Amino acid sequence: MQLNEIETYVLGLLPKLGINKQRELVRLVYEIAKREDVPLAEILPFEKNLNFESAKKRLLARRYPVNFKTARKDQFYLPKLELDSTQEADLTPRPFSPKTIYIETSVKDTPLAQRVRAAFAQADFKETDGKTQVGSPHFSKRLDTLLIHREKYDFLKPCPCSCGSAGCGYNLVNLGFGCRFECEYCFLQQYQNLHAVLLPANVEEFLAKIDGAKFRAGLFDRPRIGSGEFTDSLVFDDLTQYSAQIVPFFRARPHLQFEFKTKSTNIGGLLAAGGCENVVAAWSVNAGPITQDVEHFTPNLTARLQAACEVARAGYRLGFHFDPVVIYEGYQQDYARTVQEMADTLPHNKIAWISVGTLRFSRELKKRIEMRFTKNRILDGEFLLDFDGKMRYSQAQRIEAYQFLVPLLRRTFPHAVVYLCMEDPAVASKI
């Protein structure tokens, strides 16, 4: 459905609307038409005495049938609808083969730079002082450009947990920026302004920051450090070989634990490095329809679990992240099937932790998702502005999801720590 078609229809019904009121009604009509797949005339029929207030109330009640009567008026976020076909995601499968590769002068002789030259000999290589602007203006073209650089600042930090959330004491190292996968909910499509893949060549400097640093243990028996905030921890590991440095480093420091967070099955580096009890390979998992229809280019659940079994046999512990949990009709049965496949496949005594978090996103990301994935279904849920300024399901919907999934996981995997990720303490207290 075209934006101008909706605008014309709304103005035909209420021609004297101001621009802001028009935008709100256009937004509501668009979301209802997309979700219900019905003609415009059925959403807001012509009536002689129709006005803005009655039209908005009717549309809100239809768009938010679960929460309309209980949500505050300021929780409904109705921004200007902006659709741009030139920004749509490119979902054509393709290997990672960057066309242009920048290598900072300071790291041009590092092993990573040498591996990159060998792996992508056909690319256009350019040396840079680190100040060169790289990448495309289009997020979908980020894989065309690779930058090998020396990270100078963002070595080690506490997890930037959502403001006001109940934290878990997680600590982060940022080993890369940019990802091969194309998950519709990924915050990088709104957050990343340098549309390229960045890989640091100075991992030893990251590791040097760890000794002597003070960490919180949080929910766990030891401080927990992990990668995977701005990229998938393992998707480039055959090229970066970060695991070959990280695993032996933490093997010598059993008072700490490190997590590789991933959706990939790129586990060769972990297997070659040898098992390590305080290194956890953790997979994001989801309901089947979400993995299949929303997490583009990622391995399916069965492949992820098979990879998990391999690294468990090698001596690593496992982690899993049900994040984001997406609420839709029949979601509980689909997530129960995921849990059952995990139960039937995995060595239960190897699972260290499992996190659960429902889908949430910034206001800006909502607009990016609907622009890049015009046929998305994940935004069809009833998202409201919540305690941290993010779009979330209502408290009641989140509590219902957690009260279903968290006890199921704790019964199925009694030795694992099951916890909520970035959730309101008021919600967490009810689980």
Protein backbone atom coordinates (compact mmCIF):
# COMPACT_ATOMS: atom_id res chain seq x y z
CA MET A 1 0.00 0.00 0.00
CA GLN A 2 1.37 3.38 -1.04
CA LEU A 3 1.73 6.25 1.42
CA ASN A 4 0.09 8.78 -0.90
CA GLU A 5 -2.92 6.48 -1.23
CA ILE A 6 -3.48 6.54 2.53
CA GLU A 7 -2.91 10.29 2.76
CA THR A 8 -5.42 10.92 -0.03
CA TYR A 9 -8.00 8.71 1.66
CA VAL A 10 -7.63 10.35 5.08
CA LEU A 11 -7.83 13.88 3.61
CA GLY A 12 -10.86 12.83 1.60
CA LEU A 13 -12.65 12.01 4.86
CA LEU A 14 -11.35 14.95 6.88
CA PRO A 15 -10.07 17.62 4.48
CA LYS A 16 -9.53 20.32 7.12
CA LEU A 17 -7.10 18.35 9.28
CA GLY A 18 -3.90 20.05 10.41
CA ILE A 19 -0.64 18.40 9.43
CA ASN A 20 0.03 16.76 12.81
CA LYS A 21 -3.46 15.33 13.14
CA GLN A 22 -3.30 14.09 9.57
CA ARG A 23 -0.02 12.31 10.29
CA GLU A 24 -1.47 10.54 13.33
CA LEU A 25 -4.45 9.19 11.41
CA VAL A 26 -2.32 8.19 8.42
CA ARG A 27 -0.02 6.28 10.77
CA LEU A 28 -2.92 4.43 12.41
CA VAL A 29 -4.65 3.59 9.12
CA TYR A 30 -1.38 2.29 7.68
CA GLU A 31 -0.63 0.02 10.63
CA ILE A 32 -4.17 -1.38 10.69
CA ALA A 33 -4.24 -1.97 6.93
CA LYS A 34 -0.86 -3.70 7.08
CA ARG A 35 -1.76 -5.89 10.05
CA GLU A 36 -5.27 -6.85 8.98
CA ASP A 37 -4.82 -6.74 5.19
CA VAL A 38 -8.13 -4.96 4.66
CA PRO A 39 -9.22 -2.12 2.31
CA LEU A 40 -9.01 1.44 3.61
CA ALA A 41 -12.75 1.94 3.37
CA GLU A 42 -13.27 -0.84 5.92
CA ILE A 43 -10.88 0.75 8.40
CA LEU A 44 -12.37 4.21 8.55
CA PRO A 45 -15.70 4.38 6.68
CA PHE A 46 -17.16 7.71 5.68
CA GLU A 47 -19.55 9.23 8.22
CA LYS A 48 -21.30 12.58 8.03
CA ASN A 49 -20.24 13.77 11.50
CA LEU A 50 -16.79 12.20 11.60
CA ASN A 51 -14.15 14.37 13.29
CA PHE A 52 -10.53 13.94 14.35
CA GLU A 53 -11.24 12.96 17.96
CA SER A 54 -13.78 10.27 17.10
CA ALA A 55 -11.65 8.96 14.22
CA LYS A 56 -8.50 8.72 16.36
CA LYS A 57 -10.34 7.00 19.22
CA ARG A 58 -11.85 4.45 16.86
CA LEU A 59 -8.52 3.77 15.16
CA LEU A 60 -6.61 3.46 18.43
CA ALA A 61 -9.16 0.97 19.75
CA ARG A 62 -8.76 -1.13 16.60
CA ARG A 63 -4.96 -0.87 16.47
CA TYR A 64 -4.50 -1.60 20.19
CA PRO A 65 -7.38 -3.91 21.12
CA VAL A 66 -5.52 -5.44 24.10
CA ASN A 67 -4.21 -2.22 25.63
CA PHE A 68 -6.47 0.60 24.44
CA LYS A 69 -8.49 0.80 27.65
CA THR A 70 -5.55 0.52 30.05
CA ALA A 71 -2.64 2.34 28.35
CA ARG A 72 -2.00 6.02 29.03
CA LYS A 73 -2.55 8.34 26.08
CA ASP A 74 1.12 9.34 26.05
CA GLN A 75 2.18 5.72 25.54
CA PHE A 76 0.81 5.61 21.99
CA TYR A 77 3.62 6.63 19.65
CA LEU A 78 2.32 7.90 16.31
CA PRO A 79 5.22 9.41 14.33
CA LYS A 80 5.12 10.60 10.77
CA LEU A 81 5.01 7.66 8.38
CA GLU A 82 8.06 7.66 6.12
CA LEU A 83 8.50 4.98 3.48
CA ASP A 84 11.40 4.99 1.02
CA SER A 85 11.78 2.06 -1.36
CA THR A 86 15.46 2.90 -1.93
CA GLN A 87 16.15 1.96 1.71
CA GLU A 88 14.63 -1.54 1.54
CA ALA A 89 16.88 -4.33 2.76
CA ASP A 90 18.65 -6.43 0.14
CA LEU A 91 17.72 -10.01 0.99
CA THR A 92 19.66 -11.60 -1.85
CA PRO A 93 21.89 -14.36 -0.39
CA ARG A 94 25.56 -13.66 -1.00
CA PRO A 95 28.94 -14.54 0.51
CA PHE A 96 30.90 -12.00 2.51
CA SER A 97 33.25 -10.60 -0.12
CA PRO A 98 34.00 -6.90 0.46
CA LYS A 99 34.75 -4.83 -2.61
CA THR A 100 36.85 -2.20 -0.84
CA ILE A 101 39.13 -2.89 2.11
CA TYR A 102 40.78 -0.16 4.17
CA ILE A 103 43.72 -1.07 6.40
CA GLU A 104 45.08 1.43 8.87
CA THR A 105 48.80 2.08 8.49
CA SER A 106 49.44 1.19 12.13
CA VAL A 107 48.12 -2.38 11.65
CA LYS A 108 49.11 -3.07 8.04
CA ASP A 109 51.63 -5.77 9.03
CA THR A 110 49.46 -7.58 11.60
CA PRO A 111 48.41 -11.21 11.09
CA LEU A 112 44.78 -10.09 10.61
CA ALA A 113 45.73 -7.71 7.82
CA GLN A 114 47.72 -10.48 6.14
CA ARG A 115 44.80 -12.92 6.37
CA VAL A 116 42.45 -10.32 4.91
CA ARG A 117 44.74 -9.70 1.94
CA ALA A 118 44.91 -13.43 1.26
CA ALA A 119 41.18 -14.03 1.69
CA PHE A 120 40.01 -11.15 -0.51
CA ALA A 121 42.76 -10.75 -3.09
CA GLN A 122 40.25 -9.42 -5.63
CA ALA A 123 39.25 -6.44 -3.44
CA ASP A 124 40.42 -2.86 -3.85
CA PHE A 125 42.84 -2.30 -0.95
CA LYS A 126 43.47 1.16 0.46
CA GLU A 127 45.75 2.28 3.26
CA THR A 128 44.33 4.83 5.68
CA ASP A 129 45.45 6.91 8.64
CA GLY A 130 42.20 6.15 10.43
CA LYS A 131 40.51 9.43 9.54
CA THR A 132 39.21 8.41 6.12
CA GLN A 133 35.44 8.24 5.74
CA VAL A 134 34.49 4.73 4.67
CA GLY A 135 31.30 2.89 3.84
CA SER A 136 28.10 3.46 1.92
CA PRO A 137 25.20 5.77 2.80
CA HIS A 138 22.97 2.66 2.59
CA PHE A 139 23.00 0.21 5.47
CA SER A 140 22.27 -2.72 3.15
CA LYS A 141 25.61 -2.11 1.40
CA ARG A 142 27.69 -2.24 4.58
CA LEU A 143 29.24 -5.60 3.60
CA ASP A 144 30.86 -4.02 0.56
CA THR A 145 33.43 -2.27 2.77
CA LEU A 146 35.80 -3.69 5.38
CA LEU A 147 38.03 -1.67 7.70
CA ILE A 148 40.90 -3.26 9.62
CA HIS A 149 41.89 -0.81 12.32
CA ARG A 150 43.48 -0.26 15.71
CA GLU A 151 40.83 0.30 18.36
CA LYS A 152 41.92 3.08 20.71
CA TYR A 153 38.97 3.64 23.01
CA ASP A 154 36.15 1.13 23.37
CA PHE A 155 38.02 -1.76 24.97
CA LEU A 156 36.09 -2.83 28.04
CA LYS A 157 32.92 -1.48 29.63
CA PRO A 158 29.88 -2.46 31.69
CA CYS A 159 26.90 -3.50 29.59
CA PRO A 160 24.91 -0.35 28.74
CA CYS A 161 21.78 -1.84 30.27
CA SER A 162 18.59 0.03 29.43
CA CYS A 163 18.03 2.93 31.85
CA GLY A 164 16.17 1.75 34.93
CA SER A 165 16.38 -1.94 34.06
CA ALA A 166 17.35 -4.70 36.46
CA GLY A 167 20.97 -5.41 35.46
CA CYS A 168 22.83 -8.72 35.45
CA GLY A 169 26.39 -7.43 35.88
CA TYR A 170 27.49 -8.14 32.30
CA ASN A 171 30.73 -6.62 30.96
CA LEU A 172 31.57 -6.07 27.29
CA VAL A 173 34.49 -6.04 24.91
CA ASN A 174 33.61 -4.77 21.44
CA LEU A 175 35.43 -7.00 18.98
CA GLY A 176 34.02 -5.58 15.77
CA PHE A 177 31.23 -3.49 14.36
CA GLY A 178 28.79 -4.71 11.73
CA CYS A 179 27.25 -8.08 10.95
CA ARG A 180 26.61 -10.41 8.01
CA PHE A 181 23.15 -11.33 9.22
CA GLU A 182 20.04 -9.29 8.47
CA CYS A 183 17.74 -9.58 11.47
CA GLU A 184 14.72 -7.33 11.12
CA TYR A 185 14.84 -6.23 14.76
CA CYS A 186 18.61 -5.47 14.84
CA PHE A 187 19.38 -2.14 16.48
CA LEU A 188 22.48 -1.67 14.31
CA GLN A 189 20.36 -0.58 11.33
CA GLN A 190 19.42 2.52 13.31
CA TYR A 191 22.57 2.85 15.44
CA GLN A 192 25.38 2.20 12.96
CA ASN A 193 26.28 5.36 11.04
CA LEU A 194 29.46 3.95 9.50
CA HIS A 195 28.08 1.47 6.98
CA ALA A 196 30.99 -0.94 6.82
CA VAL A 197 32.38 -3.88 8.78
CA LEU A 198 35.06 -2.83 11.28
CA LEU A 199 37.44 -5.40 12.74
CA PRO A 200 40.17 -4.44 15.24
CA ALA A 201 43.65 -5.90 14.76
CA ASN A 202 44.81 -5.27 18.33
CA VAL A 203 42.95 -7.82 20.44
CA GLU A 204 45.95 -8.11 22.75
CA GLU A 205 45.25 -4.54 23.88
CA PHE A 206 41.67 -5.49 24.75
CA LEU A 207 42.88 -8.41 26.82
CA ALA A 208 45.51 -6.27 28.56
CA LYS A 209 42.71 -4.14 30.03
CA ILE A 210 41.15 -7.12 31.80
CA ASP A 211 43.83 -7.90 34.36
CA GLY A 212 43.41 -5.45 37.19
CA ALA A 213 39.93 -4.33 36.14
CA LYS A 214 37.13 -4.47 38.68
CA PHE A 215 34.03 -6.42 37.67
CA ARG A 216 30.67 -7.11 39.23
CA ALA A 217 29.66 -10.76 39.41
CA GLY A 218 25.98 -9.89 39.17
CA LEU A 219 23.80 -13.00 39.13
CA PHE A 220 26.72 -15.36 38.60
CA ASP A 221 29.45 -17.09 40.56
CA ARG A 222 32.18 -15.21 38.66
CA PRO A 223 32.38 -11.94 36.72
CA ARG A 224 31.09 -12.41 33.20
CA ILE A 225 32.68 -10.73 30.19
CA GLY A 226 31.42 -11.12 26.65
CA SER A 227 31.51 -9.90 23.09
CA GLY A 228 28.66 -9.52 20.66
CA GLU A 229 27.20 -6.06 21.27
CA PHE A 230 27.94 -4.58 17.84
CA THR A 231 28.56 -7.76 15.87
CA ASP A 232 28.03 -11.49 16.09
CA SER A 233 30.89 -12.92 18.18
CA LEU A 234 31.75 -15.79 15.83
CA VAL A 235 30.43 -14.90 12.38
CA PHE A 236 33.85 -13.56 11.27
CA ASP A 237 35.97 -15.76 13.54
CA ASP A 238 37.46 -17.84 10.71
CA LEU A 239 38.94 -14.57 9.44
CA THR A 240 39.72 -12.76 12.68
CA GLN A 241 40.77 -15.80 14.72
CA TYR A 242 39.95 -13.87 17.87
CA SER A 243 38.99 -17.09 19.64
CA ALA A 244 42.57 -18.36 19.26
CA GLN A 245 43.70 -15.51 21.53
CA ILE A 246 40.70 -15.23 23.83
CA VAL A 247 40.28 -18.88 24.84
CA PRO A 248 43.82 -19.46 26.19
CA PHE A 249 43.75 -16.05 27.88
CA PHE A 250 40.68 -16.99 29.91
CA ARG A 251 41.81 -20.57 30.42
CA ALA A 252 44.61 -19.05 32.52
CA ARG A 253 42.08 -16.96 34.49
CA PRO A 254 39.49 -19.35 35.95
CA HIS A 255 38.18 -16.64 38.29
CA LEU A 256 36.59 -14.98 35.22
CA GLN A 257 34.30 -16.25 32.47
CA PHE A 258 33.96 -15.16 28.87
CA GLU A 259 30.97 -15.48 26.54
CA PHE A 260 30.94 -15.66 22.75
CA LYS A 261 27.38 -14.64 21.78
CA THR A 262 26.33 -15.79 18.32
CA LYS A 263 23.71 -17.02 15.86
CA SER A 264 26.33 -18.57 13.60
CA THR A 265 27.75 -22.08 13.32
CA ASN A 266 31.28 -20.79 12.68
CA ILE A 267 32.82 -22.81 15.51
CA GLY A 268 36.06 -24.03 13.91
CA GLY A 269 38.16 -21.59 15.91
CA LEU A 270 36.64 -22.68 19.21
CA LEU A 271 37.22 -26.34 18.43
CA ALA A 272 40.82 -25.66 17.42
CA ALA A 273 41.47 -23.68 20.61
CA GLY A 274 40.42 -26.60 22.80
CA GLY A 275 37.73 -26.65 25.45
CA CYS A 276 37.62 -24.33 28.42
CA GLU A 277 35.18 -24.57 31.33
CA ASN A 278 35.06 -20.83 31.94
CA VAL A 279 34.44 -19.94 28.29
CA VAL A 280 30.78 -20.08 27.26
CA ALA A 281 29.53 -20.32 23.69
CA ALA A 282 26.05 -18.81 23.73
CA TRP A 283 23.44 -18.91 21.00
CA SER A 284 20.50 -16.63 20.42
CA VAL A 285 17.45 -18.82 19.88
CA ASN A 286 13.87 -18.07 19.00
CA ALA A 287 10.56 -19.49 17.90
CA GLY A 288 10.69 -21.24 14.53
CA PRO A 289 8.69 -18.62 12.58
CA ILE A 290 10.90 -15.81 13.89
CA THR A 291 14.15 -17.60 13.00
CA GLN A 292 12.81 -18.43 9.55
CA ASP A 293 11.08 -15.18 8.61
CA VAL A 294 12.85 -12.46 10.61
CA GLU A 295 16.47 -13.55 11.16
CA HIS A 296 17.58 -13.52 7.52
CA PHE A 297 20.73 -15.41 6.48
CA THR A 298 21.08 -17.08 9.90
CA PRO A 299 21.36 -20.85 10.49
CA ASN A 300 18.16 -22.52 11.64
CA LEU A 301 17.61 -23.71 15.21
CA THR A 302 18.67 -27.29 14.50
CA ALA A 303 21.99 -26.16 13.02
CA ARG A 304 22.65 -23.85 15.98
CA LEU A 305 21.95 -26.62 18.47
CA GLN A 306 24.18 -29.07 16.60
CA ALA A 307 27.01 -26.54 16.77
CA ALA A 308 26.33 -26.10 20.48
CA CYS A 309 26.63 -29.84 21.02
CA GLU A 310 29.99 -29.88 19.23
CA VAL A 311 31.51 -27.15 21.37
CA ALA A 312 30.08 -28.76 24.51
CA ARG A 313 31.82 -32.03 23.62
CA ALA A 314 35.03 -30.02 23.18
CA GLY A 315 34.79 -28.84 26.78
CA TYR A 316 32.99 -25.49 26.63
CA ARG A 317 29.88 -24.57 28.55
CA LEU A 318 26.80 -23.26 26.77
CA GLY A 319 24.50 -20.28 27.06
CA PHE A 320 21.25 -19.39 25.30
CA HIS A 321 19.37 -16.16 24.82
CA PHE A 322 15.64 -16.07 24.11
CA ASP A 323 15.91 -12.48 23.03
CA PRO A 324 13.87 -11.00 21.56
CA VAL A 325 10.75 -12.96 22.44
CA VAL A 326 8.07 -11.88 19.96
CA ILE A 327 4.43 -12.04 21.00
CA TYR A 328 1.94 -13.12 18.34
CA GLU A 329 -0.99 -15.51 18.05
CA GLY A 330 0.28 -18.98 18.93
CA TYR A 331 3.70 -17.79 20.14
CA GLN A 332 3.63 -19.89 23.31
CA GLN A 333 3.33 -23.15 21.37
CA ASP A 334 6.15 -22.12 19.05
CA TYR A 335 8.50 -21.20 21.89
CA ALA A 336 7.59 -24.42 23.70
CA ARG A 337 8.68 -26.34 20.59
CA THR A 338 12.02 -24.53 20.64
CA VAL A 339 12.52 -25.45 24.30
CA GLN A 340 11.60 -29.06 23.56
CA GLU A 341 14.11 -29.31 20.71
CA MET A 342 16.77 -27.89 23.02
CA ALA A 343 15.83 -30.42 25.71
CA ASP A 344 16.01 -33.30 23.24
CA THR A 345 19.35 -32.18 21.75
CA LEU A 346 21.58 -30.52 24.32
CA PRO A 347 23.63 -31.84 27.24
CA HIS A 348 21.67 -30.24 30.10
CA ASN A 349 24.59 -30.19 32.54
CA LYS A 350 26.62 -28.01 30.15
CA ILE A 351 24.17 -25.09 30.10
CA ALA A 352 25.43 -22.22 32.26
CA TRP A 353 22.72 -19.62 31.69
CA ILE A 354 19.63 -18.72 29.67
CA SER A 355 18.36 -15.17 29.31
CA VAL A 356 14.87 -14.09 28.32
CA GLY A 357 13.84 -10.68 27.00
CA THR A 358 10.84 -9.51 25.03
CA LEU A 359 11.16 -7.45 21.85
CA ARG A 360 11.88 -3.77 22.53
CA PHE A 361 13.33 -1.03 20.39
CA SER A 362 13.90 2.70 20.20
CA ARG A 363 11.44 5.00 18.49
CA GLU A 364 13.95 5.64 15.74
CA LEU A 365 14.41 1.92 15.12
CA LYS A 366 10.69 1.43 14.56
CA LYS A 367 10.85 3.76 11.57
CA ARG A 368 13.97 2.07 10.22
CA ILE A 369 12.40 -1.39 10.44
CA GLU A 370 9.26 -0.41 8.59
CA MET A 371 11.31 1.38 5.94
CA ARG A 372 13.75 -1.49 5.37
CA PHE A 373 11.28 -4.36 5.83
CA THR A 374 7.96 -3.15 4.51
CA LYS A 375 6.38 -6.59 4.88
CA ASN A 376 7.57 -7.14 8.43
CA ARG A 377 5.19 -8.71 10.94
CA ILE A 378 7.13 -8.02 14.13
CA LEU A 379 5.80 -4.45 14.37
CA ASP A 380 2.21 -5.68 14.26
CA GLY A 381 2.30 -6.19 18.03
CA GLU A 382 0.97 -3.60 20.45
CA PHE A 383 4.06 -1.60 21.33
CA LEU A 384 3.84 1.27 23.78
CA LEU A 385 6.33 3.80 25.11
CA ASP A 386 7.55 2.32 28.38
CA PHE A 387 9.64 3.06 31.47
CA ASP A 388 12.94 3.54 29.58
CA GLY A 389 11.56 5.46 26.61
CA LYS A 390 11.66 2.36 24.41
CA MET A 391 8.80 0.69 22.58
CA ARG A 392 7.71 -2.42 24.47
CA TYR A 393 4.74 -4.71 24.86
CA SER A 394 2.57 -3.72 27.81
CA GLN A 395 3.61 -4.86 31.27
CA ALA A 396 0.71 -7.31 31.35
CA GLN A 397 1.74 -8.89 28.04
CA ARG A 398 5.37 -9.15 29.10
CA ILE A 399 4.50 -10.68 32.46
CA GLU A 400 2.30 -13.24 30.73
CA ALA A 401 5.14 -14.17 28.35
CA TYR A 402 7.68 -14.45 31.16
CA GLN A 403 5.36 -16.40 33.45
CA PHE A 404 5.00 -18.92 30.64
CA LEU A 405 8.58 -19.18 29.38
CA VAL A 406 10.76 -18.67 32.48
CA PRO A 407 9.19 -21.49 34.59
CA LEU A 408 9.31 -23.77 31.54
CA LEU A 409 13.03 -23.13 31.12
CA ARG A 410 13.74 -23.56 34.83
CA ARG A 411 11.90 -26.89 34.92
CA THR A 412 13.60 -28.12 31.77
CA PHE A 413 17.12 -26.93 32.63
CA PRO A 414 17.25 -26.83 36.45
CA HIS A 415 21.03 -26.33 36.63
CA ALA A 416 21.07 -23.20 34.44
CA VAL A 417 20.71 -19.62 35.67
CA VAL A 418 17.56 -18.28 33.99
CA TYR A 419 17.23 -14.51 34.12
CA LEU A 420 15.46 -11.57 32.45
CA CYS A 421 17.40 -9.23 30.19
CA MET A 422 16.91 -5.43 30.34
CA GLU A 423 13.56 -5.60 32.06
CA ASP A 424 11.70 -3.26 34.38
CA PRO A 425 12.33 -4.30 38.02
CA ALA A 426 8.56 -4.01 38.60
CA VAL A 427 8.02 -6.71 35.95
CA ALA A 428 10.97 -8.82 37.08
CA SER A 429 9.59 -8.92 40.64
CA LYS A 430 6.51 -10.77 39.40
CA ILE A 431 8.41 -13.61 37.71
